[in-house]
C-alpha atoms as a PDB file:
ATOM      1  CA  MET A   1     164.775  32.446  31.103  1.00  0.00           C
ATOM      2  CA  THR A   2     162.097  29.599  31.917  1.00  0.00           C
ATOM      3  CA  PHE A   3     161.274  27.037  29.289  1.00  0.00           C
ATOM      4  CA  HIS A   4     160.132  24.000  28.636  1.00  0.00           C
ATOM      5  CA  THR A   5     161.349  22.191  25.539  1.00  0.00           C
ATOM      6  CA  ALA A   6     157.905  20.102  25.285  1.00  0.00           C
ATOM      7  CA  ASP A   7     156.355  23.087  25.055  1.00  0.00           C
ATOM      8  CA  LEU A   8     158.463  24.550  22.279  1.00  0.00           C
ATOM      9  CA  SER A   9     158.500  21.489  20.243  1.00  0.00           C
ATOM     10  CA  ASP A  10     154.846  21.417  20.156  1.00  0.00           C
ATOM     11  CA  GLY A  11     154.468  25.229  19.528  1.00  0.00           C
ATOM     12  CA  PHE A  12     157.171  25.459  16.753  1.00  0.00           C
ATOM     13  CA  PRO A  13     157.256  21.685  15.098  1.00  0.00           C
ATOM     14  CA  ASP A  14     158.125  23.544  12.192  1.00  0.00           C
ATOM     15  CA  LYS A  15     161.066  24.800  13.242  1.00  0.00           C
ATOM     16  CA  THR A  16     162.553  22.738  15.622  1.00  0.00           C
ATOM     17  CA  ARG A  17     164.902  19.540  15.234  1.00  0.00           C
ATOM     18  CA  VAL A  18     165.239  17.311  18.450  1.00  0.00           C
ATOM     19  CA  PRO A  19     168.179  15.087  18.376  1.00  0.00           C
ATOM     20  CA  GLU A  20     167.779  11.237  19.696  1.00  0.00           C
ATOM     21  CA  PRO A  21     168.070  11.834  23.485  1.00  0.00           C
ATOM     22  CA  LEU A  22     171.523  10.248  24.027  1.00  0.00           C
ATOM     23  CA  PHE A  23     172.951  13.279  26.633  1.00  0.00           C
ATOM     24  CA  THR A  24     172.781  13.130  30.883  1.00  0.00           C
ATOM     25  CA  ASN A  25     173.021  16.919  32.598  1.00  0.00           C
ATOM     26  CA  TYR A  26     176.368  17.107  34.885  1.00  0.00           C
ATOM     27  CA  GLY A  27     175.829  20.492  35.403  1.00  0.00           C
ATOM     28  CA  GLY A  28     174.384  22.488  38.395  1.00  0.00           C
ATOM     29  CA  ARG A  29     171.768  24.125  36.002  1.00  0.00           C
ATOM     30  CA  VAL A  30     168.805  22.361  34.248  1.00  0.00           C
ATOM     31  CA  ARG A  31     167.672  24.493  31.861  1.00  0.00           C
ATOM     32  CA  LEU A  32     169.922  26.135  28.704  1.00  0.00           C
ATOM     33  CA  SER A  33     169.638  27.728  25.798  1.00  0.00           C
ATOM     34  CA  GLY A  34     171.625  30.487  23.676  1.00  0.00           C
ATOM     35  CA  PRO A  35     172.462  31.096  20.069  1.00  0.00           C
ATOM     36  CA  VAL A  36     175.242  27.799  19.221  1.00  0.00           C
ATOM     37  CA  ALA A  37     179.040  28.373  18.573  1.00  0.00           C
ATOM     38  CA  THR A  38     180.571  24.459  17.299  1.00  0.00           C
ATOM     39  CA  VAL A  39     184.047  22.691  17.796  1.00  0.00           C
ATOM     40  CA  ARG A  40     184.819  19.402  16.340  1.00  0.00           C
ATOM     41  CA  VAL A  41     187.330  17.715  17.915  1.00  0.00           C
ATOM     42  CA  ARG A  42     188.768  13.958  18.856  1.00  0.00           C
ATOM     43  CA  ASP A  43     189.917  13.187  21.862  1.00  0.00           C
ATOM     44  CA  ASP A  44     191.726  16.695  21.993  1.00  0.00           C
ATOM     45  CA  ASN A  45     190.558  19.689  24.059  1.00  0.00           C
ATOM     46  CA  VAL A  46     192.529  22.543  22.944  1.00  0.00           C
ATOM     47  CA  LEU A  47     189.918  24.389  20.701  1.00  0.00           C
ATOM     48  CA  VAL A  48     187.302  23.420  23.278  1.00  0.00           C
ATOM     49  CA  ARG A  49     189.392  25.656  25.530  1.00  0.00           C
ATOM     50  CA  GLU A  50     189.709  28.487  22.924  1.00  0.00           C
ATOM     51  CA  ALA A  51     186.393  28.534  22.408  1.00  0.00           C
ATOM     52  CA  LEU A  52     185.149  28.566  26.252  1.00  0.00           C
ATOM     53  CA  GLU A  53     187.202  31.625  26.479  1.00  0.00           C
ATOM     54  CA  THR A  54     186.353  33.792  23.367  1.00  0.00           C
ATOM     55  CA  VAL A  55     182.765  33.267  22.521  1.00  0.00           C
ATOM     56  CA  PRO A  56     180.417  35.777  23.567  1.00  0.00           C
ATOM     57  CA  GLU A  57     178.337  36.017  26.814  1.00  0.00           C
ATOM     58  CA  GLY A  58     175.090  33.492  26.834  1.00  0.00           C
ATOM     59  CA  THR A  59     176.437  31.135  23.749  1.00  0.00           C
ATOM     60  CA  VAL A  60     175.962  27.557  24.087  1.00  0.00           C
ATOM     61  CA  VAL A  61     179.102  25.741  22.975  1.00  0.00           C
ATOM     62  CA  VAL A  62     178.399  22.537  21.208  1.00  0.00           C
ATOM     63  CA  VAL A  63     181.493  20.089  21.280  1.00  0.00           C
ATOM     64  CA  ASP A  64     180.878  17.444  18.733  1.00  0.00           C
ATOM     65  CA  GLY A  65     183.763  14.769  19.741  1.00  0.00           C
ATOM     66  CA  GLY A  66     182.396  12.110  17.475  1.00  0.00           C
ATOM     67  CA  GLY A  67     180.829  10.618  20.676  1.00  0.00           C
ATOM     68  CA  SER A  68     184.433   9.238  21.921  1.00  0.00           C
ATOM     69  CA  LYS A  69     184.561   7.825  25.052  1.00  0.00           C
ATOM     70  CA  ARG A  70     188.149   7.447  25.537  1.00  0.00           C
ATOM     71  CA  CYS A  71     188.664  10.816  27.497  1.00  0.00           C
ATOM     72  CA  ALA A  72     187.110  13.981  28.386  1.00  0.00           C
ATOM     73  CA  LEU A  73     187.072  17.014  26.679  1.00  0.00           C
ATOM     74  CA  VAL A  74     185.410  19.205  29.734  1.00  0.00           C
ATOM     75  CA  GLY A  75     186.347  19.007  33.008  1.00  0.00           C
ATOM     76  CA  GLY A  76     186.167  21.491  36.135  1.00  0.00           C
ATOM     77  CA  ASN A  77     188.120  24.016  35.126  1.00  0.00           C
ATOM     78  CA  LEU A  78     186.730  24.426  31.728  1.00  0.00           C
ATOM     79  CA  ALA A  79     183.200  24.636  32.814  1.00  0.00           C
ATOM     80  CA  LYS A  80     184.104  27.004  35.496  1.00  0.00           C
ATOM     81  CA  THR A  81     185.702  29.322  33.385  1.00  0.00           C
ATOM     82  CA  ALA A  82     182.002  28.788  31.012  1.00  0.00           C
ATOM     83  CA  ALA A  83     180.086  29.441  34.307  1.00  0.00           C
ATOM     84  CA  GLU A  84     182.565  32.590  35.377  1.00  0.00           C
ATOM     85  CA  ARG A  85     181.713  33.892  31.694  1.00  0.00           C
ATOM     86  CA  GLY A  86     178.245  33.467  31.550  1.00  0.00           C
ATOM     87  CA  LEU A  87     178.037  30.953  28.332  1.00  0.00           C
ATOM     88  CA  GLY A  88     174.435  29.422  28.229  1.00  0.00           C
ATOM     89  CA  GLY A  89     176.027  26.207  28.780  1.00  0.00           C
ATOM     90  CA  ILE A  90     178.018  23.741  27.269  1.00  0.00           C
ATOM     91  CA  VAL A  91     176.612  19.874  24.911  1.00  0.00           C
ATOM     92  CA  VAL A  92     179.679  17.349  24.458  1.00  0.00           C
ATOM     93  CA  ASN A  93     179.018  14.383  22.034  1.00  0.00           C
ATOM     94  CA  GLY A  94     181.685  12.843  24.192  1.00  0.00           C
ATOM     95  CA  CYS A  95     182.812  12.809  28.087  1.00  0.00           C
ATOM     96  CA  VAL A  96     183.248  15.077  30.626  1.00  0.00           C
ATOM     97  CA  ARG A  97     184.591  14.674  34.294  1.00  0.00           C
ATOM     98  CA  ASP A  98     184.997  16.213  37.490  1.00  0.00           C
ATOM     99  CA  ALA A  99     181.174  15.186  38.029  1.00  0.00           C
ATOM    100  CA  HIS A 100     181.218  16.592  41.421  1.00  0.00           C
ATOM    101  CA  GLU A 101     182.716  19.888  40.382  1.00  0.00           C
ATOM    102  CA  LEU A 102     180.275  20.691  37.348  1.00  0.00           C
ATOM    103  CA  ALA A 103     177.098  19.865  39.303  1.00  0.00           C
ATOM    104  CA  ALA A 104     178.044  22.711  41.748  1.00  0.00           C
ATOM    105  CA  LEU A 105     178.608  25.138  38.902  1.00  0.00           C
ATOM    106  CA  ASP A 106     175.720  28.016  37.699  1.00  0.00           C
ATOM    107  CA  LEU A 107     175.799  25.740  33.959  1.00  0.00           C
ATOM    108  CA  GLY A 108     174.238  23.613  31.880  1.00  0.00           C
ATOM    109  CA  VAL A 109     177.012  20.914  31.010  1.00  0.00           C
ATOM    110  CA  LEU A 110     175.030  18.020  28.790  1.00  0.00           C
ATOM    111  CA  ALA A 111     177.562  15.083  27.511  1.00  0.00           C
ATOM    112  CA  LEU A 112     177.570  11.133  27.233  1.00  0.00           C
ATOM    113  CA  ALA A 113     179.067  10.436  30.349  1.00  0.00           C
ATOM    114  CA  THR A 114     182.173  10.511  32.676  1.00  0.00           C
ATOM    115  CA  HIS A 115     185.444   9.811  31.846  1.00  0.00           C
ATOM    116  CA  PRO A 116     188.652  10.449  34.502  1.00  0.00           C
ATOM    117  CA  LYS A 117     191.070  10.563  31.647  1.00  0.00           C
ATOM    118  CA  LYS A 118     192.172  14.176  30.602  1.00  0.00           C
ATOM    119  CA  SER A 119     192.290  14.710  26.804  1.00  0.00           C
ATOM    120  CA  ALA A 120     195.510  15.506  24.479  1.00  0.00           C
ATOM    121  CA  LYS A 121     196.100  18.877  23.834  1.00  0.00           C
ATOM    122  CA  ASN A 122     197.748  18.830  20.473  1.00  0.00           C
ATOM    123  CA  GLY A 123     195.276  21.688  19.311  1.00  0.00           C
ATOM    124  CA  THR A 124     193.414  19.588  15.928  1.00  0.00           C
ATOM    125  CA  GLY A 125     190.263  20.347  15.026  1.00  0.00           C
ATOM    126  CA  GLU A 126     187.816  23.154  13.790  1.00  0.00           C
ATOM    127  CA  ARG A 127     185.575  25.419  14.685  1.00  0.00           C
ATOM    128  CA  ASP A 128     182.606  27.357  13.947  1.00  0.00           C
ATOM    129  CA  VAL A 129     181.723  24.118  11.525  1.00  0.00           C
ATOM    130  CA  PRO A 130     178.077  22.698  11.320  1.00  0.00           C
ATOM    131  CA  VAL A 131     178.372  19.350  13.822  1.00  0.00           C
ATOM    132  CA  LEU A 132     176.334  16.722  13.872  1.00  0.00           C
ATOM    133  CA  LEU A 133     174.535  15.877  17.286  1.00  0.00           C
ATOM    134  CA  GLY A 134     172.181  12.750  17.906  1.00  0.00           C
ATOM    135  CA  GLY A 135     171.411  12.748  14.440  1.00  0.00           C
ATOM    136  CA  VAL A 136     170.726  16.528  14.035  1.00  0.00           C
ATOM    137  CA  GLU A 137     173.182  18.971  11.803  1.00  0.00           C
ATOM    138  CA  ILE A 138     173.319  22.229  14.102  1.00  0.00           C
ATOM    139  CA  ALA A 139     175.280  24.858  12.471  1.00  0.00           C
ATOM    140  CA  PRO A 140     176.897  27.972  14.425  1.00  0.00           C
ATOM    141  CA  GLY A 141     174.314  30.644  14.902  1.00  0.00           C
ATOM    142  CA  GLU A 142     171.513  28.523  15.292  1.00  0.00           C
ATOM    143  CA  TYR A 143     169.471  28.419  18.689  1.00  0.00           C
ATOM    144  CA  LEU A 144     169.742  25.334  21.247  1.00  0.00           C
ATOM    145  CA  TYR A 145     167.345  24.831  24.261  1.00  0.00           C
ATOM    146  CA  ALA A 146     167.455  22.105  26.512  1.00  0.00           C
ATOM    147  CA  ASP A 147     165.870  21.068  30.107  1.00  0.00           C
ATOM    148  CA  ALA A 148     165.085  17.791  31.552  1.00  0.00           C
ATOM    149  CA  ASP A 149     162.984  16.625  28.534  1.00  0.00           C
ATOM    150  CA  GLY A 150     165.820  16.751  26.167  1.00  0.00           C
ATOM    151  CA  LEU A 151     167.151  18.953  23.736  1.00  0.00           C
ATOM    152  CA  LEU A 152     166.395  20.871  20.778  1.00  0.00           C
ATOM    153  CA  VAL A 153     167.607  23.336  18.279  1.00  0.00           C
ATOM    154  CA  SER A 154     166.318  25.884  15.826  1.00  0.00           C
ATOM    155  CA  PRO A 155     167.203  28.290  12.870  1.00  0.00           C
ATOM    156  CA  GLU A 156     166.249  31.231  15.084  1.00  0.00           C
ATOM    157  CA  ARG A 157     165.868  32.781  18.144  1.00  0.00           C
ATOM    158  CA  LEU A 158     162.240  31.137  19.617  1.00  0.00           C
ATOM    159  CA  LEU A 159     161.951  33.075  22.788  1.00  0.00           C
END
């Protein structure tokens, strides 16, 4: 799907919310979009893996890691799973790793930074709850659109 977030922001000003521009795309796809599934964790990616393995095709998994830069919540293996399952993309309010592997995938992966350390595996956190991303609350089922200009979210599908 071809779209430009600047055009969506201009065309639907009352239906879009734009988080602060905090994210870098580490994936091989510039554009990502789809309905949102959320995960809230802190330095633990068990629920992230669970979401990436079970959400419907086309879903964008938004991971609120609280902005932590202590470890990576998504790496090459999890991103490969998401790409193979046809997910719409991954947005991490935290870190990713295996940047060279992420760049080779047909998947948009937005994150704050990279970090070589893996996360804990305790299974703590929550799924399918509203999360805060760059000052904007995002609820499960909303729609996320991202490209080189940034990302935005809407309560309904725009395209």
